C-alpha atoms as a PDB file:
ATOM      1  CA  MET A   1     324.586 143.870-128.165  1.00  0.00           C
ATOM      2  CA  SER A   2     325.925 146.136-131.170  1.00  0.00           C
ATOM      3  CA  ILE A   3     328.681 143.851-131.607  1.00  0.00           C
ATOM      4  CA  ASN A   4     326.983 140.882-132.387  1.00  0.00           C
ATOM      5  CA  LYS A   5     324.353 142.202-134.232  1.00  0.00           C
ATOM      6  CA  LEU A   6     328.202 144.139-136.233  1.00  0.00           C
ATOM      7  CA  LEU A   7     328.825 139.964-136.942  1.00  0.00           C
ATOM      8  CA  SER A   8     324.991 139.554-138.293  1.00  0.00           C
ATOM      9  CA  LEU A   9     326.287 142.035-141.348  1.00  0.00           C
ATOM     10  CA  GLY A  10     328.872 140.123-141.668  1.00  0.00           C
ATOM     11  CA  PHE A  11     331.285 141.743-140.700  1.00  0.00           C
ATOM     12  CA  LYS A  12     334.829 140.560-139.410  1.00  0.00           C
ATOM     13  CA  LYS A  13     337.890 141.330-136.808  1.00  0.00           C
ATOM     14  CA  MET A  14     341.098 141.796-138.157  1.00  0.00           C
ATOM     15  CA  ASP A  15     343.855 139.263-138.391  1.00  0.00           C
ATOM     16  CA  ALA A  16     346.999 139.636-140.066  1.00  0.00           C
ATOM     17  CA  ASP A  17     345.088 136.467-142.986  1.00  0.00           C
ATOM     18  CA  ASP A  18     343.130 139.198-144.013  1.00  0.00           C
ATOM     19  CA  VAL A  19     345.259 142.155-145.018  1.00  0.00           C
ATOM     20  CA  ASN A  20     345.890 139.785-148.370  1.00  0.00           C
ATOM     21  CA  LEU A  21     341.923 140.174-148.431  1.00  0.00           C
ATOM     22  CA  LEU A  22     342.444 143.983-148.650  1.00  0.00           C
ATOM     23  CA  VAL A  23     345.527 144.771-150.076  1.00  0.00           C
ATOM     24  CA  PRO A  24     342.999 144.727-153.600  1.00  0.00           C
ATOM     25  CA  PHE A  25     340.950 147.618-152.444  1.00  0.00           C
ATOM     26  CA  TYR A  26     343.999 149.205-151.355  1.00  0.00           C
ATOM     27  CA  ARG A  27     345.432 149.633-154.748  1.00  0.00           C
ATOM     28  CA  VAL A  28     342.407 152.025-155.853  1.00  0.00           C
ATOM     29  CA  PHE A  29     341.473 153.784-152.761  1.00  0.00           C
ATOM     30  CA  SER A  30     342.979 156.926-152.820  1.00  0.00           C
ATOM     31  CA  THR A  31     343.051 159.212-150.016  1.00  0.00           C
ATOM     32  CA  GLN A  32     346.057 160.303-147.830  1.00  0.00           C
ATOM     33  CA  VAL A  33     343.915 159.717-144.489  1.00  0.00           C
ATOM     34  CA  SER A  34     346.800 158.463-142.274  1.00  0.00           C
ATOM     35  CA  ASP A  35     343.359 157.286-140.060  1.00  0.00           C
ATOM     36  CA  ILE A  36     342.114 154.347-142.842  1.00  0.00           C
ATOM     37  CA  SER A  37     345.333 153.675-144.265  1.00  0.00           C
ATOM     38  CA  LEU A  38     345.717 149.270-143.744  1.00  0.00           C
ATOM     39  CA  VAL A  39     348.872 150.431-142.340  1.00  0.00           C
ATOM     40  CA  ASN A  40     347.534 152.116-139.515  1.00  0.00           C
ATOM     41  CA  LEU A  41     344.550 150.098-139.090  1.00  0.00           C
ATOM     42  CA  PHE A  42     346.828 147.346-138.391  1.00  0.00           C
ATOM     43  CA  LEU A  43     349.121 149.046-135.887  1.00  0.00           C
ATOM     44  CA  TRP A  44     346.013 150.093-133.980  1.00  0.00           C
ATOM     45  CA  LYS A  45     343.364 146.774-134.108  1.00  0.00           C
ATOM     46  CA  GLU A  46     343.534 145.981-131.067  1.00  0.00           C
ATOM     47  CA  LYS A  47     342.860 149.238-128.953  1.00  0.00           C
ATOM     48  CA  TYR A  48     340.039 150.040-132.154  1.00  0.00           C
ATOM     49  CA  ALA A  49     338.950 146.768-132.318  1.00  0.00           C
ATOM     50  CA  PHE A  50     338.596 147.228-135.749  1.00  0.00           C
ATOM     51  CA  HIS A  51     336.802 144.723-137.581  1.00  0.00           C
ATOM     52  CA  TRP A  52     336.396 144.751-141.889  1.00  0.00           C
ATOM     53  CA  CYS A  53     334.024 143.165-144.415  1.00  0.00           C
ATOM     54  CA  ILE A  54     333.342 143.330-147.959  1.00  0.00           C
ATOM     55  CA  PHE A  55     329.485 144.778-148.879  1.00  0.00           C
ATOM     56  CA  ASP A  56     328.686 145.741-152.219  1.00  0.00           C
ATOM     57  CA  ASN A  57     332.696 146.106-154.388  1.00  0.00           C
ATOM     58  CA  TYR A  58     333.471 148.159-151.195  1.00  0.00           C
ATOM     59  CA  ALA A  59     336.083 146.931-148.016  1.00  0.00           C
ATOM     60  CA  TRP A  60     333.625 147.930-144.312  1.00  0.00           C
ATOM     61  CA  ILE A  61     335.846 148.877-141.099  1.00  0.00           C
ATOM     62  CA  ALA A  62     333.796 149.417-138.482  1.00  0.00           C
ATOM     63  CA  ASN A  63     334.976 151.001-135.316  1.00  0.00           C
ATOM     64  CA  VAL A  64     333.931 148.787-131.736  1.00  0.00           C
ATOM     65  CA  ALA A  65     334.510 152.005-128.934  1.00  0.00           C
ATOM     66  CA  PRO A  66     332.643 152.074-125.864  1.00  0.00           C
ATOM     67  CA  SER A  67     330.809 155.100-126.980  1.00  0.00           C
ATOM     68  CA  GLY A  68     329.288 153.510-130.667  1.00  0.00           C
ATOM     69  CA  ILE A  69     330.286 151.755-133.599  1.00  0.00           C
ATOM     70  CA  TYR A  70     332.111 154.019-135.561  1.00  0.00           C
ATOM     71  CA  PHE A  71     332.774 153.275-139.323  1.00  0.00           C
ATOM     72  CA  SER A  72     334.732 154.548-142.841  1.00  0.00           C
ATOM     73  CA  GLN A  73     334.148 155.163-145.440  1.00  0.00           C
ATOM     74  CA  PRO A  74     333.567 152.807-148.678  1.00  0.00           C
ATOM     75  CA  ILE A  75     337.612 151.026-149.600  1.00  0.00           C
ATOM     76  CA  GLY A  76     338.395 150.869-152.453  1.00  0.00           C
ATOM     77  CA  SER A  77     337.800 152.923-156.490  1.00  0.00           C
ATOM     78  CA  TYR A  78     335.654 155.918-156.504  1.00  0.00           C
ATOM     79  CA  GLU A  79     335.742 156.500-160.963  1.00  0.00           C
ATOM     80  CA  ASP A  80     332.222 156.132-160.743  1.00  0.00           C
ATOM     81  CA  VAL A  81     330.353 158.266-158.207  1.00  0.00           C
ATOM     82  CA  ALA A  82     327.547 156.680-158.625  1.00  0.00           C
ATOM     83  CA  LEU A  83     328.337 153.454-157.555  1.00  0.00           C
ATOM     84  CA  VAL A  84     330.257 154.988-154.346  1.00  0.00           C
ATOM     85  CA  ARG A  85     327.224 156.094-153.285  1.00  0.00           C
ATOM     86  CA  ARG A  86     325.535 153.753-153.791  1.00  0.00           C
ATOM     87  CA  ALA A  87     327.256 151.953-151.603  1.00  0.00           C
ATOM     88  CA  VAL A  88     326.308 154.235-148.613  1.00  0.00           C
ATOM     89  CA  GLU A  89     323.197 154.290-149.538  1.00  0.00           C
ATOM     90  CA  LYS A  90     322.608 149.821-149.155  1.00  0.00           C
ATOM     91  CA  MET A  91     324.602 150.054-146.103  1.00  0.00           C
ATOM     92  CA  LYS A  92     322.612 153.338-144.641  1.00  0.00           C
ATOM     93  CA  GLU A  93     320.166 151.264-145.197  1.00  0.00           C
ATOM     94  CA  ARG A  94     321.589 148.096-143.806  1.00  0.00           C
ATOM     95  CA  LEU A  95     322.318 149.379-141.102  1.00  0.00           C
ATOM     96  CA  HIS A  96     319.819 151.251-139.912  1.00  0.00           C
ATOM     97  CA  ASP A  97     317.208 147.758-140.421  1.00  0.00           C
ATOM     98  CA  SER A  98     320.196 146.212-138.004  1.00  0.00           C
ATOM     99  CA  GLY A  99     318.646 149.410-134.978  1.00  0.00           C
ATOM    100  CA  LEU A 100     322.760 151.016-135.806  1.00  0.00           C
ATOM    101  CA  ALA A 101     323.893 154.372-135.901  1.00  0.00           C
ATOM    102  CA  PHE A 102     325.466 155.551-138.993  1.00  0.00           C
ATOM    103  CA  VAL A 103     328.426 157.118-138.675  1.00  0.00           C
ATOM    104  CA  ILE A 104     331.519 157.817-141.138  1.00  0.00           C
ATOM    105  CA  LYS A 105     334.694 159.105-138.996  1.00  0.00           C
ATOM    106  CA  LYS A 106     338.339 160.694-140.663  1.00  0.00           C
ATOM    107  CA  SER A 107     336.150 160.768-143.809  1.00  0.00           C
ATOM    108  CA  ASN A 108     338.182 163.196-146.595  1.00  0.00           C
ATOM    109  CA  LYS A 109     336.850 165.871-148.540  1.00  0.00           C
ATOM    110  CA  LEU A 110     336.695 163.630-152.007  1.00  0.00           C
ATOM    111  CA  PHE A 111     333.879 161.511-150.215  1.00  0.00           C
ATOM    112  CA  MET A 112     332.471 163.886-147.624  1.00  0.00           C
ATOM    113  CA  ASP A 113     331.452 165.975-150.930  1.00  0.00           C
ATOM    114  CA  MET A 114     329.343 163.558-152.559  1.00  0.00           C
ATOM    115  CA  ILE A 115     327.632 162.300-150.176  1.00  0.00           C
ATOM    116  CA  GLY A 116     327.751 165.389-147.861  1.00  0.00           C
ATOM    117  CA  GLN A 117     323.597 166.076-148.464  1.00  0.00           C
ATOM    118  CA  ASP A 118     321.241 165.314-146.035  1.00  0.00           C
ATOM    119  CA  VAL A 119     324.135 164.688-143.310  1.00  0.00           C
ATOM    120  CA  VAL A 120     325.452 166.552-140.584  1.00  0.00           C
ATOM    121  CA  ILE A 121     329.015 167.073-141.006  1.00  0.00           C
ATOM    122  CA  SER A 122     331.512 167.994-138.379  1.00  0.00           C
ATOM    123  CA  THR A 123     335.282 168.060-138.157  1.00  0.00           C
ATOM    124  CA  ASN A 124     337.988 168.573-135.038  1.00  0.00           C
ATOM    125  CA  ARG A 125     341.326 170.715-135.286  1.00  0.00           C
ATOM    126  CA  ASP A 126     343.329 167.790-134.057  1.00  0.00           C
ATOM    127  CA  GLU A 127     342.495 165.110-136.236  1.00  0.00           C
ATOM    128  CA  TRP A 128     344.028 167.071-139.088  1.00  0.00           C
ATOM    129  CA  ASP A 129     346.769 165.300-140.408  1.00  0.00           C
ATOM    130  CA  TYR A 130     350.292 167.175-141.676  1.00  0.00           C
ATOM    131  CA  ILE A 131     351.554 167.508-144.865  1.00  0.00           C
ATOM    132  CA  TYR A 132     354.652 168.717-145.717  1.00  0.00           C
ATOM    133  CA  ASP A 133     356.526 169.213-148.904  1.00  0.00           C
ATOM    134  CA  TYR A 134     358.804 165.860-149.757  1.00  0.00           C
ATOM    135  CA  GLU A 135     361.609 167.422-151.541  1.00  0.00           C
ATOM    136  CA  LYS A 136     361.638 170.178-148.988  1.00  0.00           C
ATOM    137  CA  MET A 137     361.358 167.547-145.667  1.00  0.00           C
ATOM    138  CA  ARG A 138     364.213 165.773-147.762  1.00  0.00           C
ATOM    139  CA  THR A 139     366.798 168.389-147.936  1.00  0.00           C
ATOM    140  CA  LEU A 140     365.824 170.964-144.290  1.00  0.00           C
ATOM    141  CA  PRO A 141     366.475 173.821-147.610  1.00  0.00           C
ATOM    142  CA  GLY A 142     366.748 176.615-145.575  1.00  0.00           C
ATOM    143  CA  ASN A 143     366.990 179.393-142.308  1.00  0.00           C
ATOM    144  CA  ALA A 144     363.685 177.742-142.196  1.00  0.00           C
ATOM    145  CA  TYR A 145     365.387 174.260-140.923  1.00  0.00           C
ATOM    146  CA  HIS A 146     368.496 175.538-139.769  1.00  0.00           C
ATOM    147  CA  LYS A 147     368.065 173.727-136.562  1.00  0.00           C
ATOM    148  CA  LYS A 148     366.738 170.746-138.181  1.00  0.00           C
ATOM    149  CA  LYS A 149     369.468 170.345-140.324  1.00  0.00           C
ATOM    150  CA  ASN A 150     372.351 171.315-138.032  1.00  0.00           C
ATOM    151  CA  LEU A 151     371.212 168.670-136.005  1.00  0.00           C
ATOM    152  CA  VAL A 152     371.528 166.223-137.818  1.00  0.00           C
ATOM    153  CA  ASN A 153     374.972 167.415-139.622  1.00  0.00           C
ATOM    154  CA  GLN A 154     376.094 167.302-135.357  1.00  0.00           C
ATOM    155  CA  PHE A 155     374.219 163.637-135.952  1.00  0.00           C
ATOM    156  CA  HIS A 156     376.527 162.714-138.543  1.00  0.00           C
ATOM    157  CA  LYS A 157     380.472 164.088-137.306  1.00  0.00           C
ATOM    158  CA  LYS A 158     379.086 162.556-133.510  1.00  0.00           C
ATOM    159  CA  TYR A 159     377.782 158.911-135.352  1.00  0.00           C
ATOM    160  CA  PRO A 160     380.205 158.674-137.920  1.00  0.00           C
ATOM    161  CA  HIS A 161     380.400 155.070-138.488  1.00  0.00           C
ATOM    162  CA  HIS A 162     375.858 154.994-138.310  1.00  0.00           C
ATOM    163  CA  VAL A 163     374.255 152.183-140.300  1.00  0.00           C
ATOM    164  CA  PHE A 164     371.032 152.632-142.262  1.00  0.00           C
ATOM    165  CA  LYS A 165     369.473 149.489-143.249  1.00  0.00           C
ATOM    166  CA  ALA A 166     366.097 148.125-143.582  1.00  0.00           C
ATOM    167  CA  PHE A 167     364.006 145.773-141.193  1.00  0.00           C
ATOM    168  CA  GLN A 168     364.954 141.763-141.320  1.00  0.00           C
ATOM    169  CA  ALA A 169     363.561 139.148-139.969  1.00  0.00           C
ATOM    170  CA  ASP A 170     367.139 138.033-138.313  1.00  0.00           C
ATOM    171  CA  HIS A 171     366.705 141.958-136.982  1.00  0.00           C
ATOM    172  CA  MET A 172     363.309 140.952-134.439  1.00  0.00           C
ATOM    173  CA  THR A 173     365.212 140.571-131.452  1.00  0.00           C
ATOM    174  CA  ALA A 174     366.845 143.611-132.186  1.00  0.00           C
ATOM    175  CA  TYR A 175     364.195 145.579-132.599  1.00  0.00           C
ATOM    176  CA  ARG A 176     362.756 144.871-129.387  1.00  0.00           C
ATOM    177  CA  VAL A 177     365.358 144.829-127.181  1.00  0.00           C
ATOM    178  CA  PHE A 178     365.409 148.434-128.272  1.00  0.00           C
ATOM    179  CA  TYR A 179     361.609 148.883-127.902  1.00  0.00           C
ATOM    180  CA  ASN A 180     361.685 148.333-124.608  1.00  0.00           C
ATOM    181  CA  GLN A 181     364.844 150.881-123.431  1.00  0.00           C
ATOM    182  CA  TRP A 182     362.759 153.589-125.430  1.00  0.00           C
ATOM    183  CA  CYS A 183     359.765 152.847-123.645  1.00  0.00           C
ATOM    184  CA  HIS A 184     362.057 152.412-120.043  1.00  0.00           C
ATOM    185  CA  GLU A 185     362.834 156.022-120.719  1.00  0.00           C
ATOM    186  CA  ARG A 186     359.277 156.910-121.740  1.00  0.00           C
ATOM    187  CA  ALA A 187     357.022 154.411-119.141  1.00  0.00           C
ATOM    188  CA  CYS A 188     355.330 152.829-121.723  1.00  0.00           C
ATOM    189  CA  ASP A 189     353.758 151.626-118.966  1.00  0.00           C
ATOM    190  CA  GLU A 190     351.941 154.048-117.489  1.00  0.00           C
ATOM    191  CA  THR A 191     350.102 155.071-121.272  1.00  0.00           C
ATOM    192  CA  ILE A 192     348.482 152.260-122.374  1.00  0.00           C
ATOM    193  CA  ASP A 193     348.406 154.028-126.187  1.00  0.00           C
ATOM    194  CA  LEU A 194     352.396 153.153-125.827  1.00  0.00           C
ATOM    195  CA  THR A 195     352.200 149.807-124.913  1.00  0.00           C
ATOM    196  CA  PHE A 196     348.968 149.593-128.096  1.00  0.00           C
ATOM    197  CA  GLU A 197     351.698 150.688-129.860  1.00  0.00           C
ATOM    198  CA  LYS A 198     354.739 148.602-128.929  1.00  0.00           C
ATOM    199  CA  GLU A 199     352.660 145.563-129.507  1.00  0.00           C
ATOM    200  CA  GLY A 200     350.545 147.260-132.817  1.00  0.00           C
ATOM    201  CA  THR A 201     354.163 147.018-133.602  1.00  0.00           C
ATOM    202  CA  PHE A 202     355.188 143.709-133.295  1.00  0.00           C
ATOM    203  CA  SER A 203     351.909 142.467-135.040  1.00  0.00           C
ATOM    204  CA  LEU A 204     352.470 144.856-138.213  1.00  0.00           C
ATOM    205  CA  LEU A 205     356.963 143.439-138.355  1.00  0.00           C
ATOM    206  CA  GLU A 206     355.511 139.848-137.327  1.00  0.00           C
ATOM    207  CA  ALA A 207     353.262 140.015-140.866  1.00  0.00           C
ATOM    208  CA  LEU A 208     354.872 142.302-143.036  1.00  0.00           C
ATOM    209  CA  GLU A 209     354.454 139.989-146.056  1.00  0.00           C
ATOM    210  CA  PRO A 210     351.293 141.285-147.756  1.00  0.00           C
ATOM    211  CA  PHE A 211     351.342 144.696-146.364  1.00  0.00           C
ATOM    212  CA  VAL A 212     352.711 146.719-149.899  1.00  0.00           C
ATOM    213  CA  ASP A 213     354.575 150.054-150.208  1.00  0.00           C
ATOM    214  CA  VAL A 214     355.351 149.917-146.415  1.00  0.00           C
ATOM    215  CA  TYR A 215     359.132 150.567-145.686  1.00  0.00           C
ATOM    216  CA  VAL A 216     360.980 149.505-141.663  1.00  0.00           C
ATOM    217  CA  PHE A 217     363.872 151.205-141.680  1.00  0.00           C
ATOM    218  CA  GLY A 218     366.410 151.011-138.343  1.00  0.00           C
ATOM    219  CA  LEU A 219     369.426 153.613-137.387  1.00  0.00           C
ATOM    220  CA  TRP A 220     372.627 151.096-135.911  1.00  0.00           C
ATOM    221  CA  LEU A 221     375.856 152.687-133.918  1.00  0.00           C
ATOM    222  CA  GLU A 222     378.049 149.555-134.109  1.00  0.00           C
ATOM    223  CA  GLY A 223     375.531 146.983-134.508  1.00  0.00           C
ATOM    224  CA  VAL A 224     373.461 147.844-132.176  1.00  0.00           C
ATOM    225  CA  LEU A 225     369.558 150.202-132.907  1.00  0.00           C
ATOM    226  CA  ILE A 226     369.430 152.890-131.787  1.00  0.00           C
ATOM    227  CA  GLY A 227     365.545 154.344-134.039  1.00  0.00           C
ATOM    228  CA  PHE A 228     363.662 152.787-136.029  1.00  0.00           C
ATOM    229  CA  ILE A 229     361.128 154.232-138.425  1.00  0.00           C
ATOM    230  CA  VAL A 230     357.836 152.787-139.818  1.00  0.00           C
ATOM    231  CA  ALA A 231     355.919 154.930-142.720  1.00  0.00           C
ATOM    232  CA  GLU A 232     353.836 153.489-145.935  1.00  0.00           C
ATOM    233  CA  GLY A 233     353.307 155.412-149.622  1.00  0.00           C
ATOM    234  CA  LEU A 234     349.582 156.364-150.094  1.00  0.00           C
ATOM    235  CA  GLY A 235     349.742 156.985-154.158  1.00  0.00           C
ATOM    236  CA  ASP A 236     352.476 160.027-154.039  1.00  0.00           C
ATOM    237  CA  THR A 237     352.082 160.469-150.363  1.00  0.00           C
ATOM    238  CA  LEU A 238     354.760 158.432-147.294  1.00  0.00           C
ATOM    239  CA  ILE A 239     352.968 158.527-144.039  1.00  0.00           C
ATOM    240  CA  VAL A 240     355.586 158.505-141.415  1.00  0.00           C
ATOM    241  CA  HIS A 241     353.420 155.149-138.422  1.00  0.00           C
ATOM    242  CA  VAL A 242     355.873 154.951-136.692  1.00  0.00           C
ATOM    243  CA  GLU A 243     359.897 156.805-135.322  1.00  0.00           C
ATOM    244  CA  LYS A 244     360.936 155.662-132.432  1.00  0.00           C
ATOM    245  CA  GLY A 245     365.157 157.500-131.727  1.00  0.00           C
ATOM    246  CA  LEU A 246     366.797 157.410-128.639  1.00  0.00           C
ATOM    247  CA  THR A 247     367.327 160.635-127.742  1.00  0.00           C
ATOM    248  CA  ALA A 248     371.369 160.589-126.130  1.00  0.00           C
ATOM    249  CA  TYR A 249     371.702 160.490-129.566  1.00  0.00           C
ATOM    250  CA  THR A 250     372.173 163.873-131.153  1.00  0.00           C
ATOM    251  CA  GLY A 251     369.661 164.595-133.636  1.00  0.00           C
ATOM    252  CA  VAL A 252     368.679 160.752-133.887  1.00  0.00           C
ATOM    253  CA  TYR A 253     365.135 161.507-135.220  1.00  0.00           C
ATOM    254  CA  GLN A 254     366.147 164.949-136.831  1.00  0.00           C
ATOM    255  CA  ALA A 255     368.263 161.983-139.078  1.00  0.00           C
ATOM    256  CA  LEU A 256     366.279 159.091-138.905  1.00  0.00           C
ATOM    257  CA  GLY A 257     363.312 161.026-140.666  1.00  0.00           C
ATOM    258  CA  MET A 258     365.779 162.545-143.561  1.00  0.00           C
ATOM    259  CA  MET A 259     367.609 159.034-144.263  1.00  0.00           C
ATOM    260  CA  LEU A 260     363.859 157.857-144.538  1.00  0.00           C
ATOM    261  CA  TYR A 261     363.245 160.518-147.313  1.00  0.00           C
ATOM    262  CA  GLU A 262     367.146 160.582-148.944  1.00  0.00           C
ATOM    263  CA  GLU A 263     366.345 156.642-148.908  1.00  0.00           C
ATOM    264  CA  LEU A 264     362.297 156.415-150.825  1.00  0.00           C
ATOM    265  CA  LYS A 265     363.427 159.798-153.150  1.00  0.00           C
ATOM    266  CA  THR A 266     363.079 157.825-156.175  1.00  0.00           C
ATOM    267  CA  LEU A 267     359.583 156.870-156.144  1.00  0.00           C
ATOM    268  CA  GLY A 268     358.063 159.878-156.925  1.00  0.00           C
ATOM    269  CA  PHE A 269     356.806 160.927-153.079  1.00  0.00           C
ATOM    270  CA  LYS A 270     355.699 164.769-153.591  1.00  0.00           C
ATOM    271  CA  TRP A 271     353.719 164.907-150.320  1.00  0.00           C
ATOM    272  CA  VAL A 272     354.949 163.857-146.610  1.00  0.00           C
ATOM    273  CA  ASN A 273     351.880 162.876-143.885  1.00  0.00           C
ATOM    274  CA  ARG A 274     352.905 163.151-139.974  1.00  0.00           C
ATOM    275  CA  GLU A 275     349.970 162.843-138.974  1.00  0.00           C
ATOM    276  CA  GLN A 276     347.701 164.884-136.105  1.00  0.00           C
ATOM    277  CA  ASP A 277     348.462 166.035-133.206  1.00  0.00           C
ATOM    278  CA  LEU A 278     344.914 165.369-130.997  1.00  0.00           C
ATOM    279  CA  GLY A 279     345.455 168.454-129.245  1.00  0.00           C
ATOM    280  CA  LEU A 280     348.275 167.626-127.582  1.00  0.00           C
ATOM    281  CA  ASP A 281     350.650 170.710-127.841  1.00  0.00           C
ATOM    282  CA  GLY A 282     353.778 170.019-127.181  1.00  0.00           C
ATOM    283  CA  LEU A 283     353.336 167.298-130.040  1.00  0.00           C
ATOM    284  CA  ARG A 284     351.468 169.860-131.830  1.00  0.00           C
ATOM    285  CA  GLN A 285     354.306 172.440-131.617  1.00  0.00           C
ATOM    286  CA  ALA A 286     356.900 169.971-132.862  1.00  0.00           C
ATOM    287  CA  LYS A 287     354.686 169.311-135.835  1.00  0.00           C
ATOM    288  CA  LEU A 288     354.461 172.938-136.311  1.00  0.00           C
ATOM    289  CA  SER A 289     358.558 173.487-136.477  1.00  0.00           C
ATOM    290  CA  TYR A 290     358.921 171.084-140.013  1.00  0.00           C
ATOM    291  CA  HIS A 291     356.338 174.169-141.587  1.00  0.00           C
ATOM    292  CA  PRO A 292     353.437 171.761-143.453  1.00  0.00           C
ATOM    293  CA  GLU A 293     352.714 173.281-146.423  1.00  0.00           C
ATOM    294  CA  TYR A 294     348.501 172.428-145.742  1.00  0.00           C
ATOM    295  CA  LEU A 295     346.716 170.175-142.848  1.00  0.00           C
ATOM    296  CA  LEU A 296     344.597 167.858-144.166  1.00  0.00           C
ATOM    297  CA  GLU A 297     341.120 168.074-142.580  1.00  0.00           C
ATOM    298  CA  LYS A 298     338.707 165.650-141.940  1.00  0.00           C
ATOM    299  CA  PHE A 299     335.020 164.763-141.159  1.00  0.00           C
ATOM    300  CA  THR A 300     332.515 162.663-138.865  1.00  0.00           C
ATOM    301  CA  ILE A 301     330.133 161.944-141.286  1.00  0.00           C
ATOM    302  CA  THR A 302     326.348 161.087-139.301  1.00  0.00           C
ATOM    303  CA  PHE A 303     324.146 160.019-141.455  1.00  0.00           C
END
């Protein structure tokens, strides 16, 4: 079986104890791609059966899928292009010698340009990340954002006693109560991705300590959690991974985002990544309504 071949090469299934080992590789790794951020991998580790190993001074992530095994680009420093290319070539040899195909998914353009010879490259618009200007998302200026800003103003007017505060361990029960209500309204049990997202979110909240540059904030009203947001800083980019609100509260989603960007405004972020639309028309229109500065292409590279 392919999974046994993967394990024989030193890959192991990702769990909470591995985060400390992976953090040093991410500290010197530069990317805006949401899929291969450490928080995203942890959130979705059960759905995508993520495995990892350290090989030739880089961390490698493997997604064990029914259709095959797919790999990340090497995670680590790209200052020396020759070292990156060497690591890729050595990994290709190891995989081919073991009878495994070498396909890298969700690569950024920098990596693609480094090794884009004698390979097959493809891309899919549904997987591209939406990148926004941080200051515009924080302030929602001008007519382009008038409807969004109006909803935020309505939220503040209708719920003047709301509190926006960072997650603490003793908030866990309130987060579970909130998420159960949110899932009841969305019929999470009927949608496998929503179930995985819920389970992954609580796995993350229970193991936050080793993560760096992770921000979890809740929106409270009269002691009741009505929304929360999970984000991660990668260089000059803030990635919004999870955003949940009870829509009975007017403007809750617009307020959540704007409050987060205001809270983190001194940390030097230039961009906000709100991830991909998965080809879903409603999600695409919602993301376009915030006027992205550009869409971040991702590439599949087959060796």
